[in-house]
Amino acid sequence: MASEKNGSTNFPDDARARLLKHMGAHLQKRREELGLSRSDLENLISGSPGIVAKFENGLKDISAGQLYVLSRKLNVEVQYFYDGYVGEKIVRKNPRDAEILKFVKAYHSVSNADVRKSFYDLIKATSRRKKS
């Protein structure tokens, strides 16, 4: 499995690959904007030969330390490498989601603002009661 070979992660392989390619594309763009060759950048970051190509092609994870060094040498914030990335949607299931959704829809279906406020005040007041 690719994630085991390249370091353990809870990230699905396809999501991980998309992130690495996104970061690599930003790295390449910034390197080229500065007129640096891959070799130039490898020298700047004391990287092994070929490491920049692997980063740019999304073939190698960029560690937090490497990302920090790259950001400093390329004169960008670390966030630059993530800019524009739309990651995996994190879904947190609440067992009461359906109930909450019904409540919110019912609340918003009340057209009278005074009635909505009274409804809200009632819920707020009853939620303050101490449970016995």
Foldseek 3Di string as FASTA:
>chain_A
DVCVVQDPDPDPPVLLLVLQLLLLCLLVVLCVVVVHDQVRVCVQLVHDPPPSVCSNRSNHDQDPVNLVSSCVVSVHDSCSSVPPDDGDDDDDDDVCPVVVVVVVVVLVVDPDPVVSVVVVVVVVVVVPDDDD
